[in-house]
Protein backbone atom coordinates (compact mmCIF):
# COMPACT_ATOMS: atom_id res chain seq x y z
CA MET A 1 14.80 -1.43 6.30
CA ASP A 2 14.28 -4.27 8.78
CA PHE A 3 12.57 -7.11 6.94
CA SER A 4 13.26 -9.65 9.71
CA LYS A 5 10.12 -9.25 11.85
CA LEU A 6 7.35 -10.50 9.52
CA ASP A 7 9.03 -13.24 7.52
CA GLY A 8 10.68 -10.84 5.12
CA LEU A 9 7.79 -8.38 4.85
CA ILE A 10 7.08 -4.87 6.05
CA PRO A 11 3.68 -3.13 6.26
CA ALA A 12 3.13 -0.31 3.78
CA VAL A 13 0.49 2.26 4.72
CA ILE A 14 -0.85 4.06 1.65
CA GLN A 15 -2.02 7.64 2.04
CA ASP A 16 -3.42 10.12 -0.49
CA ALA A 17 -0.77 12.83 -0.86
CA SER A 18 -3.35 15.62 -1.19
CA SER A 19 -6.18 14.69 1.18
CA HIS A 20 -4.07 12.63 3.65
CA GLU A 21 -6.81 9.98 3.62
CA VAL A 22 -5.53 6.48 4.43
CA LEU A 23 -6.32 4.37 1.38
CA MET A 24 -5.02 0.89 2.14
CA VAL A 25 -2.36 -1.19 3.86
CA GLY A 26 -0.26 -3.67 1.93
CA PHE A 27 2.93 -5.61 2.48
CA MET A 28 6.29 -5.28 0.75
CA ASN A 29 9.33 -7.48 0.59
CA GLU A 30 12.72 -6.07 -0.40
CA GLU A 31 12.02 -6.56 -4.11
CA ALA A 32 8.63 -4.81 -3.93
CA LEU A 33 10.16 -1.83 -2.17
CA ALA A 34 12.99 -1.67 -4.69
CA LEU A 35 10.52 -1.81 -7.62
CA THR A 36 8.38 0.86 -6.01
CA ARG A 37 11.40 3.12 -5.69
CA ASP A 38 12.69 2.36 -9.19
CA THR A 39 9.38 2.72 -11.05
CA GLY A 40 7.63 5.34 -8.93
CA PHE A 41 4.51 3.15 -8.69
CA ALA A 42 3.39 1.17 -5.63
CA THR A 43 4.25 -2.53 -5.86
CA PHE A 44 3.36 -5.02 -3.15
CA PHE A 45 3.92 -8.63 -2.20
CA SER A 46 0.72 -10.68 -2.16
CA ARG A 47 0.70 -13.02 0.82
CA THR A 48 -2.16 -15.07 -0.64
CA ARG A 49 -0.71 -15.42 -4.15
CA ASN A 50 2.92 -15.43 -2.96
CA LYS A 51 4.04 -13.03 -5.69
CA LEU A 52 4.64 -9.39 -6.49
CA TRP A 53 1.84 -7.21 -7.82
CA LYS A 54 1.76 -3.64 -9.02
CA LYS A 55 -1.33 -1.89 -7.69
CA GLY A 56 -3.64 -1.23 -10.61
CA GLU A 57 -1.97 -3.62 -13.04
CA THR A 58 -5.38 -4.91 -14.15
CA SER A 59 -7.76 -2.09 -13.13
CA GLY A 60 -5.63 0.85 -14.23
CA ASN A 61 -5.97 2.39 -10.77
CA THR A 62 -2.24 2.74 -10.16
CA LEU A 63 -0.65 4.61 -7.28
CA ALA A 64 2.07 7.08 -8.23
CA VAL A 65 4.42 7.48 -5.29
CA ARG A 66 5.16 11.05 -4.27
CA GLN A 67 7.02 10.37 -1.01
CA ILE A 68 8.14 7.40 1.07
CA LEU A 69 8.47 7.85 4.81
CA VAL A 70 10.05 5.29 7.16
CA ASP A 71 8.98 4.73 10.76
CA CYS A 72 11.36 5.00 13.71
CA ASP A 73 11.94 1.21 13.87
CA ASP A 74 12.72 0.88 10.14
CA ASP A 75 10.02 -1.78 9.77
CA THR A 76 7.06 0.10 8.24
CA VAL A 77 6.75 2.55 5.37
CA LEU A 78 4.19 5.24 4.62
CA LEU A 79 3.69 5.94 0.93
CA ARG A 80 2.11 9.23 -0.01
CA VAL A 81 0.56 8.69 -3.42
CA THR A 82 -1.46 10.19 -6.22
CA ARG A 83 -4.25 7.95 -7.50
CA ASN A 84 -4.53 7.26 -11.21
CA GLY A 85 -7.49 5.82 -13.09
CA ASP A 86 -10.90 6.24 -11.49
CA GLY A 87 -9.28 6.83 -8.11
CA ASN A 88 -10.79 3.82 -6.35
CA VAL A 89 -8.21 1.86 -4.41
CA CYS A 90 -10.16 -0.98 -2.79
CA HIS A 91 -10.78 -4.18 -4.74
CA THR A 92 -14.47 -3.80 -3.81
CA GLY A 93 -14.68 -0.64 -5.90
CA GLU A 94 -14.63 1.71 -2.90
CA ARG A 95 -12.41 4.79 -2.86
CA THR A 96 -10.48 3.46 0.17
CA CYS A 97 -10.23 0.09 1.89
CA PHE A 98 -11.31 1.80 5.13
CA TYR A 99 -14.98 2.45 4.42
CA ARG A 100 -16.62 0.38 7.17
CA THR A 101 -17.06 1.20 10.85
CA LEU A 102 -16.49 -1.37 13.59
CA ASP A 103 -19.30 -1.05 16.10
CA ALA A 104 -18.94 -2.03 19.77
CA ASP A 105 -21.08 -5.15 19.30
CA ASP A 106 -19.02 -6.32 16.27
CA THR A 107 -16.22 -7.73 18.41
C-alpha cells in the first residue's frame, strides 16, 4: 500500500457486504490496516484525535471485515463489512454517514 500521498494515511471506503450500500469513509495508517487485517474488525486512524480507534469500541456497532479490496493505485481500500450491534454506522445514529442530499443551491 502507498501511504505516502496523504501524510501516511489512505482512505478506506466502507461498504455493506450484503446490500453494497456505502456506509462511511475513514482513514487508515499502516498500523490501522494491520490491526484490521489481524483482528477482522475495522480500525481507523482519527485525524482529529491523532490516534487509532476501532469502529464500535464504545457503541458496540463494530464492523466485521469480510473482504478488503485495493484500488489500482494502491492508495485506497474498500472494506466490505457486516455490521454488528444495532447496525447504525454514523455517529449521528443514522444507518450510514451518507444520508443527506446536496442540493444545487447548497454549494
